[in-house]
Amino acid sequence: MDVVILQSAYKHGISEKSIRWCLSHCEKSAILDAPVPKYIFAGFDHKGTLLEIIAIENIEENRLVIIHAMKLRKQYYSLLEGNKHEL
């Protein structure tokens, strides 16, 4: 599956390298409940920073479209801890 990173994903200063590293070494992921299903990925980047990445899957084009990336917020720590997470 191809990964496409939209400009909006860079809003919080996370680099392409950090986003791709986090995705390829992802610790946990979950589906966000929304009108359009979104996926949240939580894990470390190449510098050891915990990130959250939000993406939409484009099935027709076999792409994962990254729309958001930033340092992991406390509200998503339970996702990493393996607890049941209400999204």
PDB file of N, CA and C in Angstrom:
ATOM      1  N   MET A   1       0.843  -1.182   0.000  1.00  0.00           N
ATOM      2  CA  MET A   1       0.000   0.000   0.000  1.00  0.00           C
ATOM      3  C   MET A   1       0.884   1.240   0.000  1.00  0.00           C
ATOM      4  N   ASP A   2       0.574   2.154  -0.870  1.00  0.00           N
ATOM      5  CA  ASP A   2       1.307   3.422  -0.932  1.00  0.00           C
ATOM      6  C   ASP A   2       0.902   4.311   0.238  1.00  0.00           C
ATOM      7  N   VAL A   3       1.837   5.120   0.695  1.00  0.00           N
ATOM      8  CA  VAL A   3       1.568   6.095   1.748  1.00  0.00           C
ATOM      9  C   VAL A   3       1.733   7.483   1.147  1.00  0.00           C
ATOM     10  N   VAL A   4       0.673   8.281   1.261  1.00  0.00           N
ATOM     11  CA  VAL A   4       0.685   9.659   0.781  1.00  0.00           C
ATOM     12  C   VAL A   4       0.542  10.559   1.998  1.00  0.00           C
ATOM     13  N   ILE A   5       1.412  11.541   2.118  1.00  0.00           N
ATOM     14  CA  ILE A   5       1.370  12.454   3.265  1.00  0.00           C
ATOM     15  C   ILE A   5       0.887  13.819   2.786  1.00  0.00           C
ATOM     16  N   LEU A   6      -0.259  14.228   3.296  1.00  0.00           N
ATOM     17  CA  LEU A   6      -0.789  15.545   2.945  1.00  0.00           C
ATOM     18  C   LEU A   6      -0.055  16.638   3.698  1.00  0.00           C
ATOM     19  N   GLN A   7      -0.103  17.833   3.167  1.00  0.00           N
ATOM     20  CA  GLN A   7       0.566  18.981   3.779  1.00  0.00           C
ATOM     21  C   GLN A   7       0.089  19.210   5.213  1.00  0.00           C
ATOM     22  N   SER A   8      -1.173  18.906   5.487  1.00  0.00           N
ATOM     23  CA  SER A   8      -1.729  19.112   6.829  1.00  0.00           C
ATOM     24  C   SER A   8      -0.996  18.289   7.889  1.00  0.00           C
ATOM     25  N   ALA A   9      -0.371  17.202   7.499  1.00  0.00           N
ATOM     26  CA  ALA A   9       0.351  16.340   8.452  1.00  0.00           C
ATOM     27  C   ALA A   9       1.609  17.012   8.993  1.00  0.00           C
ATOM     28  N   TYR A  10       2.094  18.019   8.303  1.00  0.00           N
ATOM     29  CA  TYR A  10       3.324  18.702   8.715  1.00  0.00           C
ATOM     30  C   TYR A  10       3.056  19.909   9.620  1.00  0.00           C
ATOM     31  N   LYS A  11       1.800  20.184   9.913  1.00  0.00           N
ATOM     32  CA  LYS A  11       1.398  21.370  10.687  1.00  0.00           C
ATOM     33  C   LYS A  11       2.122  21.476  12.030  1.00  0.00           C
ATOM     34  N   HIS A  12       2.403  20.338  12.676  1.00  0.00           N
ATOM     35  CA  HIS A  12       3.018  20.350  14.006  1.00  0.00           C
ATOM     36  C   HIS A  12       4.523  20.100  13.954  1.00  0.00           C
ATOM     37  N   GLY A  13       5.121  20.232  12.772  1.00  0.00           N
ATOM     38  CA  GLY A  13       6.573  20.146  12.653  1.00  0.00           C
ATOM     39  C   GLY A  13       7.152  18.742  12.600  1.00  0.00           C
ATOM     40  N   ILE A  14       6.330  17.750  12.374  1.00  0.00           N
ATOM     41  CA  ILE A  14       6.814  16.371  12.267  1.00  0.00           C
ATOM     42  C   ILE A  14       7.283  16.138  10.831  1.00  0.00           C
ATOM     43  N   SER A  15       8.491  15.613  10.680  1.00  0.00           N
ATOM     44  CA  SER A  15       9.074  15.432   9.349  1.00  0.00           C
ATOM     45  C   SER A  15       8.536  14.175   8.651  1.00  0.00           C
ATOM     46  N   GLU A  16       8.732  14.125   7.354  1.00  0.00           N
ATOM     47  CA  GLU A  16       8.342  12.943   6.575  1.00  0.00           C
ATOM     48  C   GLU A  16       9.066  11.705   7.089  1.00  0.00           C
ATOM     49  N   LYS A  17      10.360  11.844   7.378  1.00  0.00           N
ATOM     50  CA  LYS A  17      11.141  10.714   7.884  1.00  0.00           C
ATOM     51  C   LYS A  17      10.544  10.189   9.186  1.00  0.00           C
ATOM     52  N   SER A  18      10.176  11.075  10.094  1.00  0.00           N
ATOM     53  CA  SER A  18       9.579  10.672  11.369  1.00  0.00           C
ATOM     54  C   SER A  18       8.244   9.970  11.168  1.00  0.00           C
ATOM     55  N   ILE A  19       7.427  10.505  10.269  1.00  0.00           N
ATOM     56  CA  ILE A  19       6.116   9.905   9.988  1.00  0.00           C
ATOM     57  C   ILE A  19       6.289   8.500   9.419  1.00  0.00           C
ATOM     58  N   ARG A  20       7.138   8.362   8.423  1.00  0.00           N
ATOM     59  CA  ARG A  20       7.334   7.055   7.792  1.00  0.00           C
ATOM     60  C   ARG A  20       7.953   6.043   8.755  1.00  0.00           C
ATOM     61  N   TRP A  21       8.884   6.489   9.588  1.00  0.00           N
ATOM     62  CA  TRP A  21       9.500   5.592  10.571  1.00  0.00           C
ATOM     63  C   TRP A  21       8.441   5.091  11.549  1.00  0.00           C
ATOM     64  N   CYS A  22       7.654   6.019  12.074  1.00  0.00           N
ATOM     65  CA  CYS A  22       6.615   5.656  13.030  1.00  0.00           C
ATOM     66  C   CYS A  22       5.639   4.648  12.419  1.00  0.00           C
ATOM     67  N   LEU A  23       5.222   4.882  11.197  1.00  0.00           N
ATOM     68  CA  LEU A  23       4.297   3.959  10.540  1.00  0.00           C
ATOM     69  C   LEU A  23       4.905   2.574  10.358  1.00  0.00           C
ATOM     70  N   SER A  24       6.164   2.527   9.970  1.00  0.00           N
ATOM     71  CA  SER A  24       6.782   1.234   9.706  1.00  0.00           C
ATOM     72  C   SER A  24       7.167   0.480  10.983  1.00  0.00           C
ATOM     73  N   HIS A  25       7.219   1.190  12.121  1.00  0.00           N
ATOM     74  CA  HIS A  25       7.554   0.573  13.402  1.00  0.00           C
ATOM     75  C   HIS A  25       6.431   0.790  14.421  1.00  0.00           C
ATOM     76  N   CYS A  26       5.227   0.897  13.926  1.00  0.00           N
ATOM     77  CA  CYS A  26       4.067   1.246  14.744  1.00  0.00           C
ATOM     78  C   CYS A  26       3.876   0.288  15.910  1.00  0.00           C
ATOM     79  N   GLU A  27       3.664   0.855  17.085  1.00  0.00           N
ATOM     80  CA  GLU A  27       3.412   0.071  18.295  1.00  0.00           C
ATOM     81  C   GLU A  27       1.954  -0.401  18.351  1.00  0.00           C
ATOM     82  N   LYS A  28       1.023   0.528  18.123  1.00  0.00           N
ATOM     83  CA  LYS A  28      -0.407   0.233  18.228  1.00  0.00           C
ATOM     84  C   LYS A  28      -1.180   1.061  17.216  1.00  0.00           C
ATOM     85  N   SER A  29      -2.354   0.575  16.851  1.00  0.00           N
ATOM     86  CA  SER A  29      -3.245   1.345  15.999  1.00  0.00           C
ATOM     87  C   SER A  29      -4.678   1.060  16.408  1.00  0.00           C
ATOM     88  N   ALA A  30      -5.575   1.970  16.037  1.00  0.00           N
ATOM     89  CA  ALA A  30      -6.997   1.818  16.339  1.00  0.00           C
ATOM     90  C   ALA A  30      -7.781   2.598  15.297  1.00  0.00           C
ATOM     91  N   ILE A  31      -9.066   2.338  15.250  1.00  0.00           N
ATOM     92  CA  ILE A  31      -9.940   3.068  14.332  1.00  0.00           C
ATOM     93  C   ILE A  31     -10.667   4.145  15.123  1.00  0.00           C
ATOM     94  N   LEU A  32     -10.619   5.364  14.608  1.00  0.00           N
ATOM     95  CA  LEU A  32     -11.360   6.468  15.216  1.00  0.00           C
ATOM     96  C   LEU A  32     -12.784   6.421  14.678  1.00  0.00           C
ATOM     97  N   ASP A  33     -13.742   6.545  15.557  1.00  0.00           N
ATOM     98  CA  ASP A  33     -15.143   6.519  15.153  1.00  0.00           C
ATOM     99  C   ASP A  33     -15.508   7.882  14.586  1.00  0.00           C
ATOM    100  N   ALA A  34     -15.793   7.933  13.304  1.00  0.00           N
ATOM    101  CA  ALA A  34     -16.123   9.185  12.631  1.00  0.00           C
ATOM    102  C   ALA A  34     -16.970   8.857  11.410  1.00  0.00           C
ATOM    103  N   PRO A  35     -17.573   9.870  10.780  1.00  0.00           N
ATOM    104  CA  PRO A  35     -18.334   9.593   9.557  1.00  0.00           C
ATOM    105  C   PRO A  35     -17.492   8.853   8.505  1.00  0.00           C
ATOM    106  N   VAL A  36     -16.241   9.246   8.379  1.00  0.00           N
ATOM    107  CA  VAL A  36     -15.298   8.543   7.514  1.00  0.00           C
ATOM    108  C   VAL A  36     -14.308   7.851   8.443  1.00  0.00           C
ATOM    109  N   PRO A  37     -14.171   6.518   8.365  1.00  0.00           N
ATOM    110  CA  PRO A  37     -13.237   5.839   9.272  1.00  0.00           C
ATOM    111  C   PRO A  37     -11.819   6.384   9.133  1.00  0.00           C
ATOM    112  N   LYS A  38     -11.217   6.691  10.275  1.00  0.00           N
ATOM    113  CA  LYS A  38      -9.842   7.166  10.319  1.00  0.00           C
ATOM    114  C   LYS A  38      -9.063   6.218  11.208  1.00  0.00           C
ATOM    115  N   TYR A  39      -7.809   6.076  10.927  1.00  0.00           N
ATOM    116  CA  TYR A  39      -6.938   5.219  11.703  1.00  0.00           C
ATOM    117  C   TYR A  39      -5.958   6.080  12.482  1.00  0.00           C
ATOM    118  N   ILE A  40      -5.723   5.714  13.727  1.00  0.00           N
ATOM    119  CA  ILE A  40      -4.701   6.387  14.506  1.00  0.00           C
ATOM    120  C   ILE A  40      -3.589   5.378  14.780  1.00  0.00           C
ATOM    121  N   PHE A  41      -2.374   5.806  14.537  1.00  0.00           N
ATOM    122  CA  PHE A  41      -1.193   4.992  14.780  1.00  0.00           C
ATOM    123  C   PHE A  41      -0.389   5.673  15.880  1.00  0.00           C
ATOM    124  N   ALA A  42       0.091   4.907  16.830  1.00  0.00           N
ATOM    125  CA  ALA A  42       0.901   5.450  17.917  1.00  0.00           C
ATOM    126  C   ALA A  42       2.204   4.674  17.987  1.00  0.00           C
ATOM    127  N   GLY A  43       3.304   5.410  18.054  1.00  0.00           N
ATOM    128  CA  GLY A  43       4.600   4.758  18.145  1.00  0.00           C
ATOM    129  C   GLY A  43       5.720   5.778  18.155  1.00  0.00           C
ATOM    130  N   PHE A  44       6.933   5.265  18.109  1.00  0.00           N
ATOM    131  CA  PHE A  44       8.120   6.112  18.165  1.00  0.00           C
ATOM    132  C   PHE A  44       8.623   6.448  16.773  1.00  0.00           C
ATOM    133  N   ASP A  45       9.197   7.643  16.646  1.00  0.00           N
ATOM    134  CA  ASP A  45       9.889   7.984  15.407  1.00  0.00           C
ATOM    135  C   ASP A  45      11.361   7.577  15.545  1.00  0.00           C
ATOM    136  N   HIS A  46      12.179   7.927  14.570  1.00  0.00           N
ATOM    137  CA  HIS A  46      13.594   7.536  14.567  1.00  0.00           C
ATOM    138  C   HIS A  46      14.412   8.213  15.668  1.00  0.00           C
ATOM    139  N   LYS A  47      13.847   9.243  16.307  1.00  0.00           N
ATOM    140  CA  LYS A  47      14.535   9.941  17.396  1.00  0.00           C
ATOM    141  C   LYS A  47      14.048   9.485  18.769  1.00  0.00           C
ATOM    142  N   GLY A  48      13.052   8.599  18.788  1.00  0.00           N
ATOM    143  CA  GLY A  48      12.506   8.130  20.055  1.00  0.00           C
ATOM    144  C   GLY A  48      11.358   8.960  20.587  1.00  0.00           C
ATOM    145  N   THR A  49      10.819   9.849  19.759  1.00  0.00           N
ATOM    146  CA  THR A  49       9.685  10.674  20.154  1.00  0.00           C
ATOM    147  C   THR A  49       8.394   9.908  19.897  1.00  0.00           C
ATOM    148  N   LEU A  50       7.512   9.877  20.890  1.00  0.00           N
ATOM    149  CA  LEU A  50       6.218   9.231  20.708  1.00  0.00           C
ATOM    150  C   LEU A  50       5.323  10.099  19.835  1.00  0.00           C
ATOM    151  N   LEU A  51       4.774   9.502  18.790  1.00  0.00           N
ATOM    152  CA  LEU A  51       3.923  10.237  17.854  1.00  0.00           C
ATOM    153  C   LEU A  51       2.543   9.619  17.763  1.00  0.00           C
ATOM    154  N   GLU A  52       1.619  10.447  17.337  1.00  0.00           N
ATOM    155  CA  GLU A  52       0.305   9.977  16.897  1.00  0.00           C
ATOM    156  C   GLU A  52       0.174  10.388  15.435  1.00  0.00           C
ATOM    157  N   ILE A  53      -0.311   9.482  14.636  1.00  0.00           N
ATOM    158  CA  ILE A  53      -0.499   9.741  13.212  1.00  0.00           C
ATOM    159  C   ILE A  53      -1.919   9.325  12.868  1.00  0.00           C
ATOM    160  N   ILE A  54      -2.632  10.193  12.172  1.00  0.00           N
ATOM    161  CA  ILE A  54      -3.999   9.888  11.772  1.00  0.00           C
ATOM    162  C   ILE A  54      -4.045   9.802  10.256  1.00  0.00           C
ATOM    163  N   ALA A  55      -4.722   8.760   9.768  1.00  0.00           N
ATOM    164  CA  ALA A  55      -4.761   8.492   8.328  1.00  0.00           C
ATOM    165  C   ALA A  55      -6.145   8.027   7.898  1.00  0.00           C
ATOM    166  N   ILE A  56      -6.396   8.190   6.614  1.00  0.00           N
ATOM    167  CA  ILE A  56      -7.596   7.683   5.967  1.00  0.00           C
ATOM    168  C   ILE A  56      -7.146   6.701   4.899  1.00  0.00           C
ATOM    169  N   GLU A  57      -7.835   5.580   4.808  1.00  0.00           N
ATOM    170  CA  GLU A  57      -7.488   4.584   3.799  1.00  0.00           C
ATOM    171  C   GLU A  57      -8.283   4.851   2.522  1.00  0.00           C
ATOM    172  N   ASN A  58      -7.568   4.952   1.408  1.00  0.00           N
ATOM    173  CA  ASN A  58      -8.203   5.096   0.101  1.00  0.00           C
ATOM    174  C   ASN A  58      -8.097   3.728  -0.576  1.00  0.00           C
ATOM    175  N   ILE A  59      -9.145   2.946  -0.442  1.00  0.00           N
ATOM    176  CA  ILE A  59      -9.133   1.566  -0.929  1.00  0.00           C
ATOM    177  C   ILE A  59      -9.033   1.501  -2.450  1.00  0.00           C
ATOM    178  N   GLU A  60      -9.735   2.385  -3.134  1.00  0.00           N
ATOM    179  CA  GLU A  60      -9.734   2.363  -4.597  1.00  0.00           C
ATOM    180  C   GLU A  60      -8.338   2.537  -5.187  1.00  0.00           C
ATOM    181  N   GLU A  61      -7.530   3.373  -4.553  1.00  0.00           N
ATOM    182  CA  GLU A  61      -6.178   3.641  -5.056  1.00  0.00           C
ATOM    183  C   GLU A  61      -5.109   2.907  -4.254  1.00  0.00           C
ATOM    184  N   ASN A  62      -5.530   2.062  -3.312  1.00  0.00           N
ATOM    185  CA  ASN A  62      -4.610   1.301  -2.469  1.00  0.00           C
ATOM    186  C   ASN A  62      -3.586   2.222  -1.791  1.00  0.00           C
ATOM    187  N   ARG A  63      -4.125   3.258  -1.136  1.00  0.00           N
ATOM    188  CA  ARG A  63      -3.279   4.256  -0.476  1.00  0.00           C
ATOM    189  C   ARG A  63      -3.717   4.504   0.952  1.00  0.00           C
ATOM    190  N   LEU A  64      -2.756   4.794   1.779  1.00  0.00           N
ATOM    191  CA  LEU A  64      -2.995   5.283   3.118  1.00  0.00           C
ATOM    192  C   LEU A  64      -2.636   6.763   3.085  1.00  0.00           C
ATOM    193  N   VAL A  65      -3.611   7.616   3.345  1.00  0.00           N
ATOM    194  CA  VAL A  65      -3.416   9.064   3.257  1.00  0.00           C
ATOM    195  C   VAL A  65      -3.254   9.629   4.665  1.00  0.00           C
ATOM    196  N   ILE A  66      -2.064  10.140   4.943  1.00  0.00           N
ATOM    197  CA  ILE A  66      -1.759  10.703   6.260  1.00  0.00           C
ATOM    198  C   ILE A  66      -2.240  12.146   6.292  1.00  0.00           C
ATOM    199  N   ILE A  67      -3.114  12.441   7.277  1.00  0.00           N
ATOM    200  CA  ILE A  67      -3.680  13.787   7.368  1.00  0.00           C
ATOM    201  C   ILE A  67      -3.209  14.558   8.594  1.00  0.00           C
ATOM    202  N   HIS A  68      -2.588  13.859   9.564  1.00  0.00           N
ATOM    203  CA  HIS A  68      -2.230  14.500  10.834  1.00  0.00           C
ATOM    204  C   HIS A  68      -1.057  13.758  11.470  1.00  0.00           C
ATOM    205  N   ALA A  69      -0.124  14.507  12.041  1.00  0.00           N
ATOM    206  CA  ALA A  69       0.985  13.917  12.797  1.00  0.00           C
ATOM    207  C   ALA A  69       1.439  14.914  13.853  1.00  0.00           C
ATOM    208  N   MET A  70       1.633  14.405  15.061  1.00  0.00           N
ATOM    209  CA  MET A  70       2.125  15.257  16.142  1.00  0.00           C
ATOM    210  C   MET A  70       2.622  14.375  17.274  1.00  0.00           C
ATOM    211  N   LYS A  71       3.239  15.013  18.298  1.00  0.00           N
ATOM    212  CA  LYS A  71       3.634  14.262  19.487  1.00  0.00           C
ATOM    213  C   LYS A  71       2.378  13.661  20.105  1.00  0.00           C
ATOM    214  N   LEU A  72       2.521  12.449  20.613  1.00  0.00           N
ATOM    215  CA  LEU A  72       1.390  11.727  21.188  1.00  0.00           C
ATOM    216  C   LEU A  72       0.784  12.499  22.349  1.00  0.00           C
ATOM    217  N   ARG A  73      -0.514  12.752  22.270  1.00  0.00           N
ATOM    218  CA  ARG A  73      -1.229  13.443  23.343  1.00  0.00           C
ATOM    219  C   ARG A  73      -1.597  12.446  24.442  1.00  0.00           C
ATOM    220  N   LYS A  74      -1.701  12.952  25.661  1.00  0.00           N
ATOM    221  CA  LYS A  74      -1.997  12.102  26.824  1.00  0.00           C
ATOM    222  C   LYS A  74      -3.270  11.285  26.647  1.00  0.00           C
ATOM    223  N   GLN A  75      -4.239  11.826  25.949  1.00  0.00           N
ATOM    224  CA  GLN A  75      -5.512  11.109  25.774  1.00  0.00           C
ATOM    225  C   GLN A  75      -5.340   9.794  25.023  1.00  0.00           C
ATOM    226  N   TYR A  76      -4.206   9.611  24.327  1.00  0.00           N
ATOM    227  CA  TYR A  76      -3.972   8.382  23.579  1.00  0.00           C
ATOM    228  C   TYR A  76      -2.913   7.480  24.214  1.00  0.00           C
ATOM    229  N   TYR A  77      -2.400   7.834  25.382  1.00  0.00           N
ATOM    230  CA  TYR A  77      -1.399   6.983  26.048  1.00  0.00           C
ATOM    231  C   TYR A  77      -1.946   5.589  26.330  1.00  0.00           C
ATOM    232  N   SER A  78      -3.222   5.505  26.675  1.00  0.00           N
ATOM    233  CA  SER A  78      -3.794   4.195  26.995  1.00  0.00           C
ATOM    234  C   SER A  78      -3.768   3.262  25.794  1.00  0.00           C
ATOM    235  N   LEU A  79      -3.739   3.810  24.612  1.00  0.00           N
ATOM    236  CA  LEU A  79      -3.613   2.990  23.403  1.00  0.00           C
ATOM    237  C   LEU A  79      -2.295   2.239  23.425  1.00  0.00           C
ATOM    238  N   LEU A  80      -1.221   2.909  23.815  1.00  0.00           N
ATOM    239  CA  LEU A  80       0.093   2.263  23.899  1.00  0.00           C
ATOM    240  C   LEU A  80       0.167   1.262  25.034  1.00  0.00           C
ATOM    241  N   GLU A  81      -0.530   1.539  26.114  1.00  0.00           N
ATOM    242  CA  GLU A  81      -0.479   0.662  27.271  1.00  0.00           C
ATOM    243  C   GLU A  81      -1.268  -0.629  27.058  1.00  0.00           C
ATOM    244  N   GLY A  82      -2.000  -0.696  25.940  1.00  0.00           N
ATOM    245  CA  GLY A  82      -2.752  -1.903  25.625  1.00  0.00           C
ATOM    246  C   GLY A  82      -4.091  -1.992  26.334  1.00  0.00           C
ATOM    247  N   ASN A  83      -4.493  -0.902  26.991  1.00  0.00           N
ATOM    248  CA  ASN A  83      -5.804  -0.882  27.646  1.00  0.00           C
ATOM    249  C   ASN A  83      -6.879  -0.672  26.592  1.00  0.00           C
ATOM    250  N   LYS A  84      -8.102  -1.065  26.946  1.00  0.00           N
ATOM    251  CA  LYS A  84      -9.200  -0.778  26.032  1.00  0.00           C
ATOM    252  C   LYS A  84      -9.295   0.728  25.894  1.00  0.00           C
ATOM    253  N   HIS A  85      -9.370   1.189  24.666  1.00  0.00           N
ATOM    254  CA  HIS A  85      -9.297   2.615  24.411  1.00  0.00           C
ATOM    255  C   HIS A  85     -10.588   3.079  23.756  1.00  0.00           C
ATOM    256  N   GLU A  86     -11.236   4.040  24.365  1.00  0.00           N
ATOM    257  CA  GLU A  86     -12.455   4.625  23.798  1.00  0.00           C
ATOM    258  C   GLU A  86     -12.056   5.746  22.855  1.00  0.00           C
ATOM    259  N   LEU A  87     -12.270   5.545  21.582  1.00  0.00           N
ATOM    260  CA  LEU A  87     -11.893   6.559  20.595  1.00  0.00           C
ATOM    261  C   LEU A  87     -13.114   7.280  20.067  1.00  0.00           C
TER     262      LEU A  87
END
